[in-house]
Amino acid sequence: MQIGIISDSHDHHSNVLRAIEIFNESNVEYVLHAGDIVSPFTAKAFADLRIAKFIETVVAIQ
């Protein structure tokens, strides 16, 4: 199983598109975004993930 992890994308749309391209090429099954999506157009770019499911909820227990 491959999991793609990304964070701090902010408004860096070209970097997000490149990350999605890498995730698609690598056939990742899940993508975890660890925060800081600033703009709606950046969030919508994740709809271009071909195989992966976007993880929306994570519960951390210490």
PDB file of N, CA and C in Angstrom:
ATOM      1  N   MET A   1       0.842  -1.170   0.000  1.00  0.00           N
ATOM      2  CA  MET A   1       0.000   0.000   0.000  1.00  0.00           C
ATOM      3  C   MET A   1       0.890   1.237   0.000  1.00  0.00           C
ATOM      4  N   GLN A   2       0.542   2.182  -0.845  1.00  0.00           N
ATOM      5  CA  GLN A   2       1.272   3.451  -0.870  1.00  0.00           C
ATOM      6  C   GLN A   2       0.325   4.563  -0.430  1.00  0.00           C
ATOM      7  N   ILE A   3       0.850   5.433   0.424  1.00  0.00           N
ATOM      8  CA  ILE A   3       0.085   6.573   0.927  1.00  0.00           C
ATOM      9  C   ILE A   3       0.853   7.836   0.584  1.00  0.00           C
ATOM     10  N   GLY A   4       0.191   8.783  -0.063  1.00  0.00           N
ATOM     11  CA  GLY A   4       0.798  10.078  -0.359  1.00  0.00           C
ATOM     12  C   GLY A   4       0.502  11.049   0.766  1.00  0.00           C
ATOM     13  N   ILE A   5       1.492  11.806   1.169  1.00  0.00           N
ATOM     14  CA  ILE A   5       1.323  12.790   2.243  1.00  0.00           C
ATOM     15  C   ILE A   5       1.776  14.138   1.724  1.00  0.00           C
ATOM     16  N   ILE A   6       0.955  15.150   1.982  1.00  0.00           N
ATOM     17  CA  ILE A   6       1.269  16.511   1.554  1.00  0.00           C
ATOM     18  C   ILE A   6       0.812  17.464   2.658  1.00  0.00           C
ATOM     19  N   SER A   7       1.498  18.583   2.786  1.00  0.00           N
ATOM     20  CA  SER A   7       1.081  19.595   3.763  1.00  0.00           C
ATOM     21  C   SER A   7       1.525  20.971   3.293  1.00  0.00           C
ATOM     22  N   ASP A   8       0.995  21.969   3.955  1.00  0.00           N
ATOM     23  CA  ASP A   8       1.390  23.363   3.721  1.00  0.00           C
ATOM     24  C   ASP A   8       1.314  23.765   2.252  1.00  0.00           C
ATOM     25  N   SER A   9       0.260  23.347   1.571  1.00  0.00           N
ATOM     26  CA  SER A   9       0.152  23.673   0.145  1.00  0.00           C
ATOM     27  C   SER A   9      -0.241  25.131  -0.086  1.00  0.00           C
ATOM     28  N   HIS A  10      -0.940  25.727   0.870  1.00  0.00           N
ATOM     29  CA  HIS A  10      -1.352  27.131   0.789  1.00  0.00           C
ATOM     30  C   HIS A  10      -1.921  27.442  -0.595  1.00  0.00           C
ATOM     31  N   ASP A  11      -1.420  28.431  -1.285  1.00  0.00           N
ATOM     32  CA  ASP A  11      -1.893  28.797  -2.624  1.00  0.00           C
ATOM     33  C   ASP A  11      -0.897  28.406  -3.709  1.00  0.00           C
ATOM     34  N   HIS A  12      -0.025  27.472  -3.431  1.00  0.00           N
ATOM     35  CA  HIS A  12       0.992  27.054  -4.404  1.00  0.00           C
ATOM     36  C   HIS A  12       0.389  26.016  -5.351  1.00  0.00           C
ATOM     37  N   HIS A  13      -0.502  26.493  -6.209  1.00  0.00           N
ATOM     38  CA  HIS A  13      -1.296  25.626  -7.075  1.00  0.00           C
ATOM     39  C   HIS A  13      -0.423  24.751  -7.975  1.00  0.00           C
ATOM     40  N   SER A  14       0.636  25.298  -8.535  1.00  0.00           N
ATOM     41  CA  SER A  14       1.489  24.501  -9.428  1.00  0.00           C
ATOM     42  C   SER A  14       2.168  23.360  -8.668  1.00  0.00           C
ATOM     43  N   ASN A  15       2.542  23.593  -7.418  1.00  0.00           N
ATOM     44  CA  ASN A  15       3.147  22.526  -6.612  1.00  0.00           C
ATOM     45  C   ASN A  15       2.128  21.434  -6.287  1.00  0.00           C
ATOM     46  N   VAL A  16       0.891  21.847  -6.018  1.00  0.00           N
ATOM     47  CA  VAL A  16      -0.171  20.875  -5.746  1.00  0.00           C
ATOM     48  C   VAL A  16      -0.427  20.022  -6.983  1.00  0.00           C
ATOM     49  N   LEU A  17      -0.493  20.656  -8.145  1.00  0.00           N
ATOM     50  CA  LEU A  17      -0.706  19.905  -9.383  1.00  0.00           C
ATOM     51  C   LEU A  17       0.420  18.905  -9.616  1.00  0.00           C
ATOM     52  N   ARG A  18       1.640  19.291  -9.317  1.00  0.00           N
ATOM     53  CA  ARG A  18       2.785  18.381  -9.473  1.00  0.00           C
ATOM     54  C   ARG A  18       2.680  17.221  -8.483  1.00  0.00           C
ATOM     55  N   ALA A  19       2.305  17.511  -7.247  1.00  0.00           N
ATOM     56  CA  ALA A  19       2.147  16.447  -6.251  1.00  0.00           C
ATOM     57  C   ALA A  19       1.068  15.459  -6.686  1.00  0.00           C
ATOM     58  N   ILE A  20      -0.042  15.966  -7.202  1.00  0.00           N
ATOM     59  CA  ILE A  20      -1.116  15.095  -7.677  1.00  0.00           C
ATOM     60  C   ILE A  20      -0.630  14.241  -8.841  1.00  0.00           C
ATOM     61  N   GLU A  21       0.149  14.829  -9.714  1.00  0.00           N
ATOM     62  CA  GLU A  21       0.726  14.077 -10.831  1.00  0.00           C
ATOM     63  C   GLU A  21       1.603  12.929 -10.310  1.00  0.00           C
ATOM     64  N   ILE A  22       2.429  13.218  -9.311  1.00  0.00           N
ATOM     65  CA  ILE A  22       3.295  12.192  -8.720  1.00  0.00           C
ATOM     66  C   ILE A  22       2.453  11.110  -8.044  1.00  0.00           C
ATOM     67  N   PHE A  23       1.427  11.517  -7.296  1.00  0.00           N
ATOM     68  CA  PHE A  23       0.549  10.539  -6.648  1.00  0.00           C
ATOM     69  C   PHE A  23      -0.105   9.630  -7.686  1.00  0.00           C
ATOM     70  N   ASN A  24      -0.586  10.216  -8.777  1.00  0.00           N
ATOM     71  CA  ASN A  24      -1.225   9.423  -9.832  1.00  0.00           C
ATOM     72  C   ASN A  24      -0.234   8.475 -10.498  1.00  0.00           C
ATOM     73  N   GLU A  25       0.968   8.960 -10.790  1.00  0.00           N
ATOM     74  CA  GLU A  25       1.997   8.113 -11.413  1.00  0.00           C
ATOM     75  C   GLU A  25       2.425   6.971 -10.494  1.00  0.00           C
ATOM     76  N   SER A  26       2.386   7.219  -9.194  1.00  0.00           N
ATOM     77  CA  SER A  26       2.829   6.231  -8.208  1.00  0.00           C
ATOM     78  C   SER A  26       1.702   5.307  -7.758  1.00  0.00           C
ATOM     79  N   ASN A  27       0.499   5.543  -8.267  1.00  0.00           N
ATOM     80  CA  ASN A  27      -0.673   4.724  -7.916  1.00  0.00           C
ATOM     81  C   ASN A  27      -0.912   4.641  -6.412  1.00  0.00           C
ATOM     82  N   VAL A  28      -0.779   5.779  -5.719  1.00  0.00           N
ATOM     83  CA  VAL A  28      -1.041   5.772  -4.280  1.00  0.00           C
ATOM     84  C   VAL A  28      -2.515   5.454  -4.035  1.00  0.00           C
ATOM     85  N   GLU A  29      -2.778   4.783  -2.909  1.00  0.00           N
ATOM     86  CA  GLU A  29      -4.147   4.392  -2.588  1.00  0.00           C
ATOM     87  C   GLU A  29      -4.865   5.437  -1.745  1.00  0.00           C
ATOM     88  N   TYR A  30      -4.121   6.168  -0.947  1.00  0.00           N
ATOM     89  CA  TYR A  30      -4.700   7.190  -0.081  1.00  0.00           C
ATOM     90  C   TYR A  30      -3.806   8.416  -0.097  1.00  0.00           C
ATOM     91  N   VAL A  31      -4.418   9.580   0.085  1.00  0.00           N
ATOM     92  CA  VAL A  31      -3.661  10.824   0.220  1.00  0.00           C
ATOM     93  C   VAL A  31      -4.091  11.489   1.517  1.00  0.00           C
ATOM     94  N   LEU A  32      -3.107  11.840   2.324  1.00  0.00           N
ATOM     95  CA  LEU A  32      -3.344  12.563   3.566  1.00  0.00           C
ATOM     96  C   LEU A  32      -2.805  13.973   3.397  1.00  0.00           C
ATOM     97  N   HIS A  33      -3.667  14.961   3.558  1.00  0.00           N
ATOM     98  CA  HIS A  33      -3.212  16.352   3.539  1.00  0.00           C
ATOM     99  C   HIS A  33      -3.165  16.818   4.985  1.00  0.00           C
ATOM    100  N   ALA A  34      -1.987  17.177   5.445  1.00  0.00           N
ATOM    101  CA  ALA A  34      -1.777  17.507   6.854  1.00  0.00           C
ATOM    102  C   ALA A  34      -2.037  18.973   7.178  1.00  0.00           C
ATOM    103  N   GLY A  35      -2.731  19.662   6.318  1.00  0.00           N
ATOM    104  CA  GLY A  35      -3.173  20.997   6.676  1.00  0.00           C
ATOM    105  C   GLY A  35      -2.653  22.124   5.813  1.00  0.00           C
ATOM    106  N   ASP A  36      -3.298  23.233   5.995  1.00  0.00           N
ATOM    107  CA  ASP A  36      -3.007  24.504   5.336  1.00  0.00           C
ATOM    108  C   ASP A  36      -3.318  24.507   3.840  1.00  0.00           C
ATOM    109  N   ILE A  37      -4.557  24.140   3.533  1.00  0.00           N
ATOM    110  CA  ILE A  37      -5.088  24.416   2.197  1.00  0.00           C
ATOM    111  C   ILE A  37      -5.780  25.768   2.331  1.00  0.00           C
ATOM    112  N   VAL A  38      -5.300  26.767   1.623  1.00  0.00           N
ATOM    113  CA  VAL A  38      -5.793  28.127   1.816  1.00  0.00           C
ATOM    114  C   VAL A  38      -6.949  28.471   0.885  1.00  0.00           C
ATOM    115  N   SER A  39      -6.845  28.100  -0.369  1.00  0.00           N
ATOM    116  CA  SER A  39      -7.849  28.557  -1.332  1.00  0.00           C
ATOM    117  C   SER A  39      -8.685  27.398  -1.865  1.00  0.00           C
ATOM    118  N   PRO A  40      -9.944  27.691  -2.227  1.00  0.00           N
ATOM    119  CA  PRO A  40     -10.823  26.643  -2.747  1.00  0.00           C
ATOM    120  C   PRO A  40     -10.303  26.017  -4.036  1.00  0.00           C
ATOM    121  N   PHE A  41      -9.659  26.806  -4.910  1.00  0.00           N
ATOM    122  CA  PHE A  41      -9.187  26.231  -6.172  1.00  0.00           C
ATOM    123  C   PHE A  41      -8.066  25.224  -5.933  1.00  0.00           C
ATOM    124  N   THR A  42      -7.301  25.408  -4.867  1.00  0.00           N
ATOM    125  CA  THR A  42      -6.265  24.430  -4.534  1.00  0.00           C
ATOM    126  C   THR A  42      -6.908  23.145  -4.021  1.00  0.00           C
ATOM    127  N   ALA A  43      -7.916  23.267  -3.182  1.00  0.00           N
ATOM    128  CA  ALA A  43      -8.612  22.083  -2.664  1.00  0.00           C
ATOM    129  C   ALA A  43      -9.279  21.303  -3.787  1.00  0.00           C
ATOM    130  N   LYS A  44      -9.871  21.997  -4.743  1.00  0.00           N
ATOM    131  CA  LYS A  44     -10.566  21.337  -5.853  1.00  0.00           C
ATOM    132  C   LYS A  44      -9.610  20.546  -6.740  1.00  0.00           C
ATOM    133  N   ALA A  45      -8.345  20.909  -6.755  1.00  0.00           N
ATOM    134  CA  ALA A  45      -7.363  20.207  -7.588  1.00  0.00           C
ATOM    135  C   ALA A  45      -7.246  18.738  -7.187  1.00  0.00           C
ATOM    136  N   PHE A  46      -7.539  18.421  -5.930  1.00  0.00           N
ATOM    137  CA  PHE A  46      -7.423  17.040  -5.471  1.00  0.00           C
ATOM    138  C   PHE A  46      -8.481  16.130  -6.091  1.00  0.00           C
ATOM    139  N   ALA A  47      -9.458  16.694  -6.752  1.00  0.00           N
ATOM    140  CA  ALA A  47     -10.448  15.887  -7.478  1.00  0.00           C
ATOM    141  C   ALA A  47      -9.796  15.158  -8.649  1.00  0.00           C
ATOM    142  N   ASP A  48      -8.603  15.589  -9.059  1.00  0.00           N
ATOM    143  CA  ASP A  48      -7.896  14.959 -10.174  1.00  0.00           C
ATOM    144  C   ASP A  48      -7.135  13.695  -9.772  1.00  0.00           C
ATOM    145  N   LEU A  49      -7.231  13.298  -8.504  1.00  0.00           N
ATOM    146  CA  LEU A  49      -6.604  12.042  -8.093  1.00  0.00           C
ATOM    147  C   LEU A  49      -7.342  10.899  -8.779  1.00  0.00           C
ATOM    148  N   ARG A  50      -6.623  10.052  -9.481  1.00  0.00           N
ATOM    149  CA  ARG A  50      -7.262   8.978 -10.250  1.00  0.00           C
ATOM    150  C   ARG A  50      -7.643   7.782  -9.395  1.00  0.00           C
ATOM    151  N   ILE A  51      -6.728   7.308  -8.579  1.00  0.00           N
ATOM    152  CA  ILE A  51      -6.958   6.073  -7.831  1.00  0.00           C
ATOM    153  C   ILE A  51      -7.173   6.360  -6.351  1.00  0.00           C
ATOM    154  N   ALA A  52      -6.425   7.279  -5.825  1.00  0.00           N
ATOM    155  CA  ALA A  52      -6.375   7.485  -4.378  1.00  0.00           C
ATOM    156  C   ALA A  52      -7.678   8.023  -3.815  1.00  0.00           C
ATOM    157  N   LYS A  53      -7.918   7.641  -2.579  1.00  0.00           N
ATOM    158  CA  LYS A  53      -8.998   8.222  -1.797  1.00  0.00           C
ATOM    159  C   LYS A  53      -8.366   9.309  -0.937  1.00  0.00           C
ATOM    160  N   PHE A  54      -9.042  10.427  -0.840  1.00  0.00           N
ATOM    161  CA  PHE A  54      -8.546  11.547  -0.045  1.00  0.00           C
ATOM    162  C   PHE A  54      -9.002  11.340   1.391  1.00  0.00           C
ATOM    163  N   ILE A  55      -8.062  11.220   2.317  1.00  0.00           N
ATOM    164  CA  ILE A  55      -8.387  11.004   3.726  1.00  0.00           C
ATOM    165  C   ILE A  55      -8.849  12.329   4.315  1.00  0.00           C
ATOM    166  N   GLU A  56     -10.084  12.355   4.802  1.00  0.00           N
ATOM    167  CA  GLU A  56     -10.649  13.601   5.319  1.00  0.00           C
ATOM    168  C   GLU A  56     -10.570  13.708   6.836  1.00  0.00           C
ATOM    169  N   THR A  57     -10.568  12.580   7.536  1.00  0.00           N
ATOM    170  CA  THR A  57     -10.598  12.607   8.987  1.00  0.00           C
ATOM    171  C   THR A  57      -9.493  11.718   9.547  1.00  0.00           C
ATOM    172  N   VAL A  58      -8.718  12.277  10.447  1.00  0.00           N
ATOM    173  CA  VAL A  58      -7.670  11.511  11.125  1.00  0.00           C
ATOM    174  C   VAL A  58      -7.819  11.757  12.615  1.00  0.00           C
ATOM    175  N   VAL A  59      -7.790  10.697  13.381  1.00  0.00           N
ATOM    176  CA  VAL A  59      -7.854  10.815  14.830  1.00  0.00           C
ATOM    177  C   VAL A  59      -6.514  10.358  15.382  1.00  0.00           C
ATOM    178  N   ALA A  60      -5.866  11.229  16.131  1.00  0.00           N
ATOM    179  CA  ALA A  60      -4.575  10.889  16.732  1.00  0.00           C
ATOM    180  C   ALA A  60      -4.761  10.686  18.229  1.00  0.00           C
ATOM    181  N   ILE A  61      -4.220   9.608  18.728  1.00  0.00           N
ATOM    182  CA  ILE A  61      -4.317   9.298  20.154  1.00  0.00           C
ATOM    183  C   ILE A  61      -2.903   9.146  20.699  1.00  0.00           C
ATOM    184  N   GLN A  62      -2.647   9.840  21.800  1.00  0.00           N
ATOM    185  CA  GLN A  62      -1.322   9.715  22.420  1.00  0.00           C
ATOM    186  C   GLN A  62      -1.391   8.784  23.592  1.00  0.00           C
TER     187      GLN A  62
END
